[in-house]
């Protein structure tokens, strides 16, 4: 084995170990906020997820810095941007992007597709994006490198359909149900594209685009830039593509973007948002959806469905974990 191969093997092994080390962070976040599913209190659900994820990260064998988190320090007492978690003496020096509960309203109302999400990469491997809006176009590996954020939707949908060997009217597009997307919805409808309007959860939608069998073929519209970075980390592992352009909605967001030096005219691609070569992406289902089953409580334990992806080692795992709350003769169903 060459020296280069040995280095690659060590990095891949470290990546896989990190995925295993950090999996409880998303699983525990999902479990704790799922306990509040449907109670109508989105803030309480989000806080439960944040607290559980942070506690797990504090005890993890990483020296981590949060680059995408719950906000700036003055706004978020936990998992704020710049917070250090883990062990400063750990050999794993990483940047962390988190969304402990993506879809707070979805959890609060018991709706589908709420997930707990975490991505890590080597220092500088995840863009420190300002908390602004971002115009996005997300496609699967089949259409990656073939589409443009500035092209008409008719051209974009034709390219996607051709890459998937489908007709345009067989495509499904996910769009956040917001007044700002009325024109996009009208344009898609005029093309005959089927549309799934969602209230929240564009990160879950982004991942679903790149996974075959979910029945989703593109995501288009404006959403959060931090979610764009997390989407990029996932899509890089899956071979999909995100194209994004920062779109501050007000003077406050504009000032934040300018302070962080982003180019408002530039179209950022997957590798711009997630340039790391050792990326780990983890997600656990809170409520059931297109991608993952939600948390299931069964009296003597709890079951969590998760997705683990590692970029360098090219491994994608769908995982099923059971946490038993009792010992002894406890029945565990296979499915």
C-alpha atoms as a PDB file:
ATOM      1  CA  UNK A   1       0.000   0.000   0.000  1.00  0.00           C
ATOM      2  CA  UNK A   2       1.401   3.408  -0.997  1.00  0.00           C
ATOM      3  CA  UNK A   3       1.845   6.219   1.517  1.00  0.00           C
ATOM      4  CA  UNK A   4      -0.965   8.126  -0.168  1.00  0.00           C
ATOM      5  CA  UNK A   5      -3.280   5.119   0.124  1.00  0.00           C
ATOM      6  CA  UNK A   6      -2.375   4.711   3.786  1.00  0.00           C
ATOM      7  CA  UNK A   7      -3.248   8.357   4.486  1.00  0.00           C
ATOM      8  CA  UNK A   8      -6.556   7.988   2.646  1.00  0.00           C
ATOM      9  CA  UNK A   9      -7.375   4.837   4.595  1.00  0.00           C
ATOM     10  CA  UNK A  10      -6.615   6.541   7.926  1.00  0.00           C
ATOM     11  CA  UNK A  11      -8.813   9.501   7.005  1.00  0.00           C
ATOM     12  CA  UNK A  12     -11.661   7.236   5.960  1.00  0.00           C
ATOM     13  CA  UNK A  13     -11.391   5.244   9.178  1.00  0.00           C
ATOM     14  CA  UNK A  14     -11.390   8.441  11.237  1.00  0.00           C
ATOM     15  CA  UNK A  15     -14.423   9.670   9.318  1.00  0.00           C
ATOM     16  CA  UNK A  16     -16.349   6.457  10.004  1.00  0.00           C
ATOM     17  CA  UNK A  17     -15.424   6.540  13.692  1.00  0.00           C
ATOM     18  CA  UNK A  18     -16.559  10.156  13.931  1.00  0.00           C
ATOM     19  CA  UNK A  19     -19.913   9.274  12.381  1.00  0.00           C
ATOM     20  CA  UNK A  20     -20.406   6.586  15.024  1.00  0.00           C
ATOM     21  CA  UNK A  21     -19.224   8.924  17.791  1.00  0.00           C
ATOM     22  CA  UNK A  22     -21.633  11.702  16.817  1.00  0.00           C
ATOM     23  CA  UNK A  23     -24.709   9.651  15.905  1.00  0.00           C
ATOM     24  CA  UNK A  24     -26.136   9.885  19.460  1.00  0.00           C
ATOM     25  CA  UNK A  25     -26.178  13.680  19.128  1.00  0.00           C
ATOM     26  CA  UNK A  26     -28.873  13.604  16.435  1.00  0.00           C
ATOM     27  CA  UNK A  27     -30.659  10.598  17.903  1.00  0.00           C
ATOM     28  CA  UNK A  28     -30.975  12.134  21.376  1.00  0.00           C
ATOM     29  CA  UNK A  29     -32.068  15.468  19.909  1.00  0.00           C
ATOM     30  CA  UNK A  30     -34.762  13.684  17.908  1.00  0.00           C
ATOM     31  CA  UNK A  31     -35.976  11.690  20.913  1.00  0.00           C
ATOM     32  CA  UNK A  32     -36.253  14.663  23.247  1.00  0.00           C
ATOM     33  CA  UNK A  33     -38.150  16.940  20.882  1.00  0.00           C
ATOM     34  CA  UNK A  34     -40.364  14.060  19.701  1.00  0.00           C
ATOM     35  CA  UNK A  35     -41.674  13.832  23.266  1.00  0.00           C
ATOM     36  CA  UNK A  36     -43.288  17.223  22.602  1.00  0.00           C
ATOM     37  CA  UNK A  37     -44.668  16.380  19.158  1.00  0.00           C
ATOM     38  CA  UNK A  38     -48.019  18.023  18.512  1.00  0.00           C
ATOM     39  CA  UNK A  39     -48.136  20.070  21.713  1.00  0.00           C
ATOM     40  CA  UNK A  40     -48.116  23.323  19.742  1.00  0.00           C
ATOM     41  CA  UNK A  41     -45.032  24.774  21.433  1.00  0.00           C
ATOM     42  CA  UNK A  42     -42.362  25.052  18.755  1.00  0.00           C
ATOM     43  CA  UNK A  43     -39.929  26.870  21.053  1.00  0.00           C
ATOM     44  CA  UNK A  44     -40.098  24.182  23.713  1.00  0.00           C
ATOM     45  CA  UNK A  45     -39.539  21.450  21.130  1.00  0.00           C
ATOM     46  CA  UNK A  46     -36.561  23.304  19.665  1.00  0.00           C
ATOM     47  CA  UNK A  47     -35.057  23.912  23.100  1.00  0.00           C
ATOM     48  CA  UNK A  48     -35.393  20.230  23.987  1.00  0.00           C
ATOM     49  CA  UNK A  49     -33.517  19.271  20.826  1.00  0.00           C
ATOM     50  CA  UNK A  50     -30.812  21.896  21.343  1.00  0.00           C
ATOM     51  CA  UNK A  51     -30.197  20.880  24.952  1.00  0.00           C
ATOM     52  CA  UNK A  52     -29.941  17.181  24.106  1.00  0.00           C
ATOM     53  CA  UNK A  53     -27.651  17.706  21.110  1.00  0.00           C
ATOM     54  CA  UNK A  54     -25.357  20.071  22.986  1.00  0.00           C
ATOM     55  CA  UNK A  55     -25.008  17.687  25.944  1.00  0.00           C
ATOM     56  CA  UNK A  56     -24.005  14.901  23.587  1.00  0.00           C
ATOM     57  CA  UNK A  57     -21.511  17.092  21.710  1.00  0.00           C
ATOM     58  CA  UNK A  58     -19.926  18.330  24.922  1.00  0.00           C
ATOM     59  CA  UNK A  59     -19.034  14.726  25.773  1.00  0.00           C
ATOM     60  CA  UNK A  60     -17.901  13.736  22.278  1.00  0.00           C
ATOM     61  CA  UNK A  61     -14.304  12.973  21.310  1.00  0.00           C
ATOM     62  CA  UNK A  62     -13.952  16.032  19.057  1.00  0.00           C
ATOM     63  CA  UNK A  63     -12.518  19.517  19.305  1.00  0.00           C
ATOM     64  CA  UNK A  64     -15.396  21.227  17.557  1.00  0.00           C
ATOM     65  CA  UNK A  65     -16.351  24.790  16.671  1.00  0.00           C
ATOM     66  CA  UNK A  66     -19.943  25.603  15.725  1.00  0.00           C
ATOM     67  CA  UNK A  67     -20.007  27.513  12.409  1.00  0.00           C
ATOM     68  CA  UNK A  68     -23.710  27.025  11.658  1.00  0.00           C
ATOM     69  CA  UNK A  69     -25.837  27.014  14.784  1.00  0.00           C
ATOM     70  CA  UNK A  70     -28.764  28.522  16.612  1.00  0.00           C
ATOM     71  CA  UNK A  71     -27.606  32.100  16.058  1.00  0.00           C
ATOM     72  CA  UNK A  72     -25.064  34.516  17.429  1.00  0.00           C
ATOM     73  CA  UNK A  73     -24.027  34.225  21.065  1.00  0.00           C
ATOM     74  CA  UNK A  74     -26.241  37.077  22.302  1.00  0.00           C
ATOM     75  CA  UNK A  75     -29.282  35.417  20.710  1.00  0.00           C
ATOM     76  CA  UNK A  76     -28.543  31.764  21.491  1.00  0.00           C
ATOM     77  CA  UNK A  77     -27.156  30.593  24.851  1.00  0.00           C
ATOM     78  CA  UNK A  78     -26.420  27.114  23.463  1.00  0.00           C
ATOM     79  CA  UNK A  79     -24.920  25.877  20.191  1.00  0.00           C
ATOM     80  CA  UNK A  80     -24.304  29.470  19.161  1.00  0.00           C
ATOM     81  CA  UNK A  81     -21.997  30.294  16.284  1.00  0.00           C
ATOM     82  CA  UNK A  82     -18.430  30.164  17.578  1.00  0.00           C
ATOM     83  CA  UNK A  83     -19.158  27.902  20.554  1.00  0.00           C
ATOM     84  CA  UNK A  84     -16.537  25.232  21.269  1.00  0.00           C
ATOM     85  CA  UNK A  85     -17.752  21.734  22.116  1.00  0.00           C
ATOM     86  CA  UNK A  86     -16.085  18.438  22.943  1.00  0.00           C
ATOM     87  CA  UNK A  87     -12.525  17.967  24.168  1.00  0.00           C
ATOM     88  CA  UNK A  88      -9.904  20.622  23.293  1.00  0.00           C
ATOM     89  CA  UNK A  89      -7.259  17.881  23.407  1.00  0.00           C
ATOM     90  CA  UNK A  90      -9.018  15.646  20.884  1.00  0.00           C
ATOM     91  CA  UNK A  91      -7.160  14.845  17.670  1.00  0.00           C
ATOM     92  CA  UNK A  92     -10.321  15.559  15.676  1.00  0.00           C
ATOM     93  CA  UNK A  93     -10.321  19.307  14.969  1.00  0.00           C
ATOM     94  CA  UNK A  94     -13.623  19.985  13.220  1.00  0.00           C
ATOM     95  CA  UNK A  95     -16.155  22.610  12.243  1.00  0.00           C
ATOM     96  CA  UNK A  96     -19.780  21.804  13.036  1.00  0.00           C
ATOM     97  CA  UNK A  97     -23.080  22.795  11.419  1.00  0.00           C
ATOM     98  CA  UNK A  98     -26.222  21.938  13.358  1.00  0.00           C
ATOM     99  CA  UNK A  99     -29.967  22.186  13.098  1.00  0.00           C
ATOM    100  CA  UNK A 100     -31.153  20.330  16.204  1.00  0.00           C
ATOM    101  CA  UNK A 101     -34.761  20.517  15.007  1.00  0.00           C
ATOM    102  CA  UNK A 102     -35.283  21.322  11.354  1.00  0.00           C
ATOM    103  CA  UNK A 103     -38.999  21.930  11.114  1.00  0.00           C
ATOM    104  CA  UNK A 104     -39.952  23.305  14.526  1.00  0.00           C
ATOM    105  CA  UNK A 105     -43.491  23.982  13.319  1.00  0.00           C
ATOM    106  CA  UNK A 106     -43.675  20.480  11.853  1.00  0.00           C
ATOM    107  CA  UNK A 107     -42.856  18.966  15.242  1.00  0.00           C
ATOM    108  CA  UNK A 108     -45.218  21.313  17.077  1.00  0.00           C
ATOM    109  CA  UNK A 109     -48.113  20.304  14.823  1.00  0.00           C
ATOM    110  CA  UNK A 110     -47.159  16.649  14.378  1.00  0.00           C
ATOM    111  CA  UNK A 111     -46.602  17.120  10.656  1.00  0.00           C
ATOM    112  CA  UNK A 112     -44.229  15.088   8.481  1.00  0.00           C
ATOM    113  CA  UNK A 113     -40.510  15.600   7.767  1.00  0.00           C
ATOM    114  CA  UNK A 114     -39.157  17.121  10.983  1.00  0.00           C
ATOM    115  CA  UNK A 115     -35.540  15.970  11.461  1.00  0.00           C
ATOM    116  CA  UNK A 116     -32.508  16.550  13.694  1.00  0.00           C
ATOM    117  CA  UNK A 117     -29.375  17.337  11.691  1.00  0.00           C
ATOM    118  CA  UNK A 118     -25.623  17.599  12.209  1.00  0.00           C
ATOM    119  CA  UNK A 119     -22.707  17.965   9.791  1.00  0.00           C
ATOM    120  CA  UNK A 120     -18.991  18.076  10.601  1.00  0.00           C
ATOM    121  CA  UNK A 121     -15.889  18.627   8.504  1.00  0.00           C
ATOM    122  CA  UNK A 122     -12.241  19.496   8.953  1.00  0.00           C
ATOM    123  CA  UNK A 123     -11.504  23.120   9.861  1.00  0.00           C
ATOM    124  CA  UNK A 124     -12.705  25.337   7.005  1.00  0.00           C
ATOM    125  CA  UNK A 125     -14.687  22.479   5.475  1.00  0.00           C
ATOM    126  CA  UNK A 126     -18.088  24.147   5.967  1.00  0.00           C
ATOM    127  CA  UNK A 127     -18.877  27.701   4.963  1.00  0.00           C
ATOM    128  CA  UNK A 128     -19.655  30.064   7.821  1.00  0.00           C
ATOM    129  CA  UNK A 129     -22.764  31.457   6.131  1.00  0.00           C
ATOM    130  CA  UNK A 130     -24.670  34.476   7.432  1.00  0.00           C
ATOM    131  CA  UNK A 131     -28.209  33.907   8.665  1.00  0.00           C
ATOM    132  CA  UNK A 132     -29.889  35.381   5.597  1.00  0.00           C
ATOM    133  CA  UNK A 133     -32.157  34.144   2.859  1.00  0.00           C
ATOM    134  CA  UNK A 134     -30.687  32.190  -0.027  1.00  0.00           C
ATOM    135  CA  UNK A 135     -32.119  31.588  -3.484  1.00  0.00           C
ATOM    136  CA  UNK A 136     -31.702  27.863  -4.184  1.00  0.00           C
ATOM    137  CA  UNK A 137     -31.962  25.257  -6.891  1.00  0.00           C
ATOM    138  CA  UNK A 138     -31.346  21.654  -5.832  1.00  0.00           C
ATOM    139  CA  UNK A 139     -31.127  18.636  -8.122  1.00  0.00           C
ATOM    140  CA  UNK A 140     -29.963  15.029  -8.003  1.00  0.00           C
ATOM    141  CA  UNK A 141     -26.711  13.600  -9.329  1.00  0.00           C
ATOM    142  CA  UNK A 142     -28.337  12.980 -12.724  1.00  0.00           C
ATOM    143  CA  UNK A 143     -28.721  16.708 -13.385  1.00  0.00           C
ATOM    144  CA  UNK A 144     -25.692  17.978 -11.448  1.00  0.00           C
ATOM    145  CA  UNK A 145     -23.522  20.283 -13.549  1.00  0.00           C
ATOM    146  CA  UNK A 146     -26.238  20.686 -16.181  1.00  0.00           C
ATOM    147  CA  UNK A 147     -28.534  23.320 -14.662  1.00  0.00           C
ATOM    148  CA  UNK A 148     -28.260  27.043 -13.977  1.00  0.00           C
ATOM    149  CA  UNK A 149     -29.817  29.173 -11.238  1.00  0.00           C
ATOM    150  CA  UNK A 150     -30.466  31.919 -13.787  1.00  0.00           C
ATOM    151  CA  UNK A 151     -32.075  29.796 -16.489  1.00  0.00           C
ATOM    152  CA  UNK A 152     -35.860  29.865 -17.010  1.00  0.00           C
ATOM    153  CA  UNK A 153     -37.696  27.123 -15.146  1.00  0.00           C
ATOM    154  CA  UNK A 154     -38.864  25.713 -18.459  1.00  0.00           C
ATOM    155  CA  UNK A 155     -35.250  25.077 -19.472  1.00  0.00           C
ATOM    156  CA  UNK A 156     -34.283  23.746 -16.053  1.00  0.00           C
ATOM    157  CA  UNK A 157     -37.197  21.304 -15.884  1.00  0.00           C
ATOM    158  CA  UNK A 158     -36.514  20.096 -19.434  1.00  0.00           C
ATOM    159  CA  UNK A 159     -32.886  19.331 -18.483  1.00  0.00           C
ATOM    160  CA  UNK A 160     -33.910  17.517 -15.301  1.00  0.00           C
ATOM    161  CA  UNK A 161     -36.555  15.495 -17.141  1.00  0.00           C
ATOM    162  CA  UNK A 162     -34.092  14.488 -19.851  1.00  0.00           C
ATOM    163  CA  UNK A 163     -31.438  13.495 -17.300  1.00  0.00           C
ATOM    164  CA  UNK A 164     -33.966  11.275 -15.511  1.00  0.00           C
ATOM    165  CA  UNK A 165     -35.477   9.941 -18.755  1.00  0.00           C
ATOM    166  CA  UNK A 166     -38.876  11.290 -17.783  1.00  0.00           C
ATOM    167  CA  UNK A 167     -41.423  13.713 -19.146  1.00  0.00           C
ATOM    168  CA  UNK A 168     -41.628  17.183 -17.614  1.00  0.00           C
ATOM    169  CA  UNK A 169     -45.118  16.464 -16.317  1.00  0.00           C
ATOM    170  CA  UNK A 170     -43.733  13.469 -14.420  1.00  0.00           C
ATOM    171  CA  UNK A 171     -41.426  15.632 -12.291  1.00  0.00           C
ATOM    172  CA  UNK A 172     -42.200  16.588  -8.697  1.00  0.00           C
ATOM    173  CA  UNK A 173     -40.897  19.908  -7.380  1.00  0.00           C
ATOM    174  CA  UNK A 174     -40.857  20.898  -3.718  1.00  0.00           C
ATOM    175  CA  UNK A 175     -41.475  24.575  -2.974  1.00  0.00           C
ATOM    176  CA  UNK A 176     -41.848  26.303   0.376  1.00  0.00           C
ATOM    177  CA  UNK A 177     -45.419  27.580   0.628  1.00  0.00           C
ATOM    178  CA  UNK A 178     -44.678  31.291   0.844  1.00  0.00           C
ATOM    179  CA  UNK A 179     -46.145  34.312  -0.994  1.00  0.00           C
ATOM    180  CA  UNK A 180     -42.677  35.090  -2.386  1.00  0.00           C
ATOM    181  CA  UNK A 181     -42.883  31.859  -4.394  1.00  0.00           C
ATOM    182  CA  UNK A 182     -46.215  32.556  -6.112  1.00  0.00           C
ATOM    183  CA  UNK A 183     -44.543  33.180  -9.480  1.00  0.00           C
ATOM    184  CA  UNK A 184     -42.444  30.034  -9.210  1.00  0.00           C
ATOM    185  CA  UNK A 185     -45.556  27.996  -8.452  1.00  0.00           C
ATOM    186  CA  UNK A 186     -47.414  29.563 -11.402  1.00  0.00           C
ATOM    187  CA  UNK A 187     -44.501  28.836 -13.741  1.00  0.00           C
ATOM    188  CA  UNK A 188     -44.231  25.220 -12.603  1.00  0.00           C
ATOM    189  CA  UNK A 189     -47.953  24.698 -12.994  1.00  0.00           C
ATOM    190  CA  UNK A 190     -47.884  26.124 -16.509  1.00  0.00           C
ATOM    191  CA  UNK A 191     -45.231  23.531 -17.369  1.00  0.00           C
ATOM    192  CA  UNK A 192     -47.311  20.708 -15.954  1.00  0.00           C
ATOM    193  CA  UNK A 193     -44.784  19.949 -13.206  1.00  0.00           C
ATOM    194  CA  UNK A 194     -46.356  18.393 -10.139  1.00  0.00           C
ATOM    195  CA  UNK A 195     -45.761  20.420  -6.989  1.00  0.00           C
ATOM    196  CA  UNK A 196     -45.451  19.579  -3.339  1.00  0.00           C
ATOM    197  CA  UNK A 197     -45.922  22.717  -1.267  1.00  0.00           C
ATOM    198  CA  UNK A 198     -44.394  22.464   2.191  1.00  0.00           C
ATOM    199  CA  UNK A 199     -44.757  24.689   5.228  1.00  0.00           C
ATOM    200  CA  UNK A 200     -41.235  24.016   6.537  1.00  0.00           C
ATOM    201  CA  UNK A 201     -38.373  21.574   6.108  1.00  0.00           C
ATOM    202  CA  UNK A 202     -36.497  22.559   2.956  1.00  0.00           C
ATOM    203  CA  UNK A 203     -33.383  20.751   4.252  1.00  0.00           C
ATOM    204  CA  UNK A 204     -35.241  17.460   4.447  1.00  0.00           C
ATOM    205  CA  UNK A 205     -36.544  18.163   0.949  1.00  0.00           C
ATOM    206  CA  UNK A 206     -33.023  18.831  -0.339  1.00  0.00           C
ATOM    207  CA  UNK A 207     -31.801  15.460   0.874  1.00  0.00           C
ATOM    208  CA  UNK A 208     -34.844  13.697  -0.559  1.00  0.00           C
ATOM    209  CA  UNK A 209     -34.043  15.039  -4.043  1.00  0.00           C
ATOM    210  CA  UNK A 210     -30.766  13.112  -4.133  1.00  0.00           C
ATOM    211  CA  UNK A 211     -32.200   9.821  -2.808  1.00  0.00           C
ATOM    212  CA  UNK A 212     -33.931   7.613  -5.351  1.00  0.00           C
ATOM    213  CA  UNK A 213     -37.400   6.395  -4.481  1.00  0.00           C
ATOM    214  CA  UNK A 214     -38.551   9.508  -2.619  1.00  0.00           C
ATOM    215  CA  UNK A 215     -40.412  10.795  -5.666  1.00  0.00           C
ATOM    216  CA  UNK A 216     -38.833  14.265  -5.463  1.00  0.00           C
ATOM    217  CA  UNK A 217     -36.840  15.672  -8.387  1.00  0.00           C
ATOM    218  CA  UNK A 218     -36.027  19.306  -7.601  1.00  0.00           C
ATOM    219  CA  UNK A 219     -36.276  21.939  -4.899  1.00  0.00           C
ATOM    220  CA  UNK A 220     -36.552  25.558  -5.964  1.00  0.00           C
ATOM    221  CA  UNK A 221     -37.132  28.843  -4.162  1.00  0.00           C
ATOM    222  CA  UNK A 222     -35.721  30.972  -1.369  1.00  0.00           C
ATOM    223  CA  UNK A 223     -34.955  29.603   2.096  1.00  0.00           C
ATOM    224  CA  UNK A 224     -32.372  29.934   4.843  1.00  0.00           C
ATOM    225  CA  UNK A 225     -28.688  30.162   3.943  1.00  0.00           C
ATOM    226  CA  UNK A 226     -27.547  28.085   6.968  1.00  0.00           C
ATOM    227  CA  UNK A 227     -29.833  25.290   5.748  1.00  0.00           C
ATOM    228  CA  UNK A 228     -28.142  25.715   2.371  1.00  0.00           C
ATOM    229  CA  UNK A 229     -24.773  24.834   3.897  1.00  0.00           C
ATOM    230  CA  UNK A 230     -26.200  21.761   5.619  1.00  0.00           C
ATOM    231  CA  UNK A 231     -27.886  20.771   2.356  1.00  0.00           C
ATOM    232  CA  UNK A 232     -24.571  21.130   0.535  1.00  0.00           C
ATOM    233  CA  UNK A 233     -22.858  18.795   3.018  1.00  0.00           C
ATOM    234  CA  UNK A 234     -25.519  16.156   2.432  1.00  0.00           C
ATOM    235  CA  UNK A 235     -25.648  16.611  -1.323  1.00  0.00           C
ATOM    236  CA  UNK A 236     -21.869  16.348  -1.610  1.00  0.00           C
ATOM    237  CA  UNK A 237     -22.071  12.902  -0.029  1.00  0.00           C
ATOM    238  CA  UNK A 238     -24.941  11.922  -2.338  1.00  0.00           C
ATOM    239  CA  UNK A 239     -23.572  13.423  -5.553  1.00  0.00           C
ATOM    240  CA  UNK A 240     -26.406  15.934  -5.870  1.00  0.00           C
ATOM    241  CA  UNK A 241     -26.030  19.655  -6.437  1.00  0.00           C
ATOM    242  CA  UNK A 242     -27.165  22.875  -4.819  1.00  0.00           C
ATOM    243  CA  UNK A 243     -26.850  26.254  -6.499  1.00  0.00           C
ATOM    244  CA  UNK A 244     -27.398  29.194  -4.166  1.00  0.00           C
ATOM    245  CA  UNK A 245     -27.239  32.969  -4.120  1.00  0.00           C
ATOM    246  CA  UNK A 246     -27.526  35.028  -0.953  1.00  0.00           C
ATOM    247  CA  UNK A 247     -30.694  37.140  -0.884  1.00  0.00           C
ATOM    248  CA  UNK A 248     -30.881  39.317   2.256  1.00  0.00           C
ATOM    249  CA  UNK A 249     -34.520  40.185   2.939  1.00  0.00           C
ATOM    250  CA  UNK A 250     -33.873  43.395   4.875  1.00  0.00           C
ATOM    251  CA  UNK A 251     -31.176  45.834   5.963  1.00  0.00           C
ATOM    252  CA  UNK A 252     -30.252  43.726   8.984  1.00  0.00           C
ATOM    253  CA  UNK A 253     -29.599  40.647   6.852  1.00  0.00           C
ATOM    254  CA  UNK A 254     -27.743  42.760   4.305  1.00  0.00           C
ATOM    255  CA  UNK A 255     -25.429  44.146   6.997  1.00  0.00           C
ATOM    256  CA  UNK A 256     -24.796  40.615   8.294  1.00  0.00           C
ATOM    257  CA  UNK A 257     -23.932  39.362   4.812  1.00  0.00           C
ATOM    258  CA  UNK A 258     -21.616  42.290   4.092  1.00  0.00           C
ATOM    259  CA  UNK A 259     -19.863  41.852   7.442  1.00  0.00           C
ATOM    260  CA  UNK A 260     -19.107  38.240   6.579  1.00  0.00           C
ATOM    261  CA  UNK A 261     -17.873  39.139   3.106  1.00  0.00           C
ATOM    262  CA  UNK A 262     -20.260  37.110   0.956  1.00  0.00           C
ATOM    263  CA  UNK A 263     -20.688  38.052  -2.694  1.00  0.00           C
ATOM    264  CA  UNK A 264     -24.357  38.808  -3.289  1.00  0.00           C
ATOM    265  CA  UNK A 265     -23.971  38.422  -7.044  1.00  0.00           C
ATOM    266  CA  UNK A 266     -22.178  35.083  -6.962  1.00  0.00           C
ATOM    267  CA  UNK A 267     -23.859  31.733  -7.464  1.00  0.00           C
ATOM    268  CA  UNK A 268     -22.372  29.441  -4.816  1.00  0.00           C
ATOM    269  CA  UNK A 269     -22.126  25.766  -5.705  1.00  0.00           C
ATOM    270  CA  UNK A 270     -21.998  22.646  -3.563  1.00  0.00           C
ATOM    271  CA  UNK A 271     -18.220  22.722  -3.152  1.00  0.00           C
ATOM    272  CA  UNK A 272     -18.272  26.422  -2.281  1.00  0.00           C
ATOM    273  CA  UNK A 273     -20.690  25.835   0.594  1.00  0.00           C
ATOM    274  CA  UNK A 274     -19.138  22.555   1.749  1.00  0.00           C
ATOM    275  CA  UNK A 275     -15.520  22.453   0.502  1.00  0.00           C
ATOM    276  CA  UNK A 276     -14.386  19.828   3.026  1.00  0.00           C
ATOM    277  CA  UNK A 277     -12.878  16.516   1.999  1.00  0.00           C
ATOM    278  CA  UNK A 278     -13.809  14.759   5.260  1.00  0.00           C
ATOM    279  CA  UNK A 279     -17.503  15.451   5.703  1.00  0.00           C
ATOM    280  CA  UNK A 280     -19.823  13.553   8.003  1.00  0.00           C
ATOM    281  CA  UNK A 281     -23.561  14.197   7.710  1.00  0.00           C
ATOM    282  CA  UNK A 282     -26.076  12.786  10.193  1.00  0.00           C
ATOM    283  CA  UNK A 283     -29.842  13.097  10.443  1.00  0.00           C
ATOM    284  CA  UNK A 284     -32.514  11.432  12.590  1.00  0.00           C
ATOM    285  CA  UNK A 285     -36.231  11.476  11.933  1.00  0.00           C
ATOM    286  CA  UNK A 286     -38.409  13.277  14.475  1.00  0.00           C
ATOM    287  CA  UNK A 287     -41.688  12.853  12.611  1.00  0.00           C
ATOM    288  CA  UNK A 288     -42.083  10.414   9.728  1.00  0.00           C
ATOM    289  CA  UNK A 289     -41.496  11.716   6.229  1.00  0.00           C
ATOM    290  CA  UNK A 290     -40.197  11.084   2.726  1.00  0.00           C
ATOM    291  CA  UNK A 291     -36.763  10.095   3.971  1.00  0.00           C
ATOM    292  CA  UNK A 292     -36.915   8.745   7.531  1.00  0.00           C
ATOM    293  CA  UNK A 293     -39.385   7.278   9.997  1.00  0.00           C
ATOM    294  CA  UNK A 294     -40.196   9.372  13.025  1.00  0.00           C
ATOM    295  CA  UNK A 295     -39.341   8.522  16.625  1.00  0.00           C
ATOM    296  CA  UNK A 296     -41.455   5.646  17.943  1.00  0.00           C
ATOM    297  CA  UNK A 297     -42.061   5.067  21.642  1.00  0.00           C
ATOM    298  CA  UNK A 298     -43.119   1.558  22.685  1.00  0.00           C
ATOM    299  CA  UNK A 299     -43.332   1.558  26.463  1.00  0.00           C
ATOM    300  CA  UNK A 300     -40.080  -0.225  27.239  1.00  0.00           C
ATOM    301  CA  UNK A 301     -37.966   1.830  24.859  1.00  0.00           C
ATOM    302  CA  UNK A 302     -37.737   4.134  21.890  1.00  0.00           C
ATOM    303  CA  UNK A 303     -36.800   3.566  18.269  1.00  0.00           C
ATOM    304  CA  UNK A 304     -35.031   6.092  16.027  1.00  0.00           C
ATOM    305  CA  UNK A 305     -34.384   6.030  12.278  1.00  0.00           C
ATOM    306  CA  UNK A 306     -31.244   7.810  11.102  1.00  0.00           C
ATOM    307  CA  UNK A 307     -29.148   8.545   8.040  1.00  0.00           C
ATOM    308  CA  UNK A 308     -25.346   8.540   8.211  1.00  0.00           C
ATOM    309  CA  UNK A 309     -23.202   9.703   5.292  1.00  0.00           C
ATOM    310  CA  UNK A 310     -19.430  10.045   5.007  1.00  0.00           C
ATOM    311  CA  UNK A 311     -17.868  11.723   1.995  1.00  0.00           C
ATOM    312  CA  UNK A 312     -14.289  10.406   1.876  1.00  0.00           C
ATOM    313  CA  UNK A 313     -15.234   6.798   2.606  1.00  0.00           C
ATOM    314  CA  UNK A 314     -18.291   7.001   0.299  1.00  0.00           C
ATOM    315  CA  UNK A 315     -20.585   5.337   2.790  1.00  0.00           C
ATOM    316  CA  UNK A 316     -24.307   5.961   3.137  1.00  0.00           C
ATOM    317  CA  UNK A 317     -26.127   4.121   5.877  1.00  0.00           C
ATOM    318  CA  UNK A 318     -29.777   4.030   6.896  1.00  0.00           C
ATOM    319  CA  UNK A 319     -29.725   3.087  10.576  1.00  0.00           C
ATOM    320  CA  UNK A 320     -32.320   1.860  13.057  1.00  0.00           C
ATOM    321  CA  UNK A 321     -31.506   2.307  16.750  1.00  0.00           C
ATOM    322  CA  UNK A 322     -33.431   1.081  19.779  1.00  0.00           C
ATOM    323  CA  UNK A 323     -32.838   2.594  23.206  1.00  0.00           C
ATOM    324  CA  UNK A 324     -34.257   0.348  25.921  1.00  0.00           C
ATOM    325  CA  UNK A 325     -35.573   1.952  29.098  1.00  0.00           C
ATOM    326  CA  UNK A 326     -35.994  -1.392  30.870  1.00  0.00           C
ATOM    327  CA  UNK A 327     -33.774  -4.419  31.329  1.00  0.00           C
ATOM    328  CA  UNK A 328     -34.739  -8.051  31.304  1.00  0.00           C
ATOM    329  CA  UNK A 329     -37.271  -9.766  29.067  1.00  0.00           C
ATOM    330  CA  UNK A 330     -38.157  -6.845  26.784  1.00  0.00           C
ATOM    331  CA  UNK A 331     -39.827  -7.603  23.433  1.00  0.00           C
ATOM    332  CA  UNK A 332     -38.147  -5.900  20.460  1.00  0.00           C
ATOM    333  CA  UNK A 333     -39.871  -6.035  17.079  1.00  0.00           C
ATOM    334  CA  UNK A 334     -37.759  -6.303  13.945  1.00  0.00           C
ATOM    335  CA  UNK A 335     -39.784  -3.687  12.066  1.00  0.00           C
END
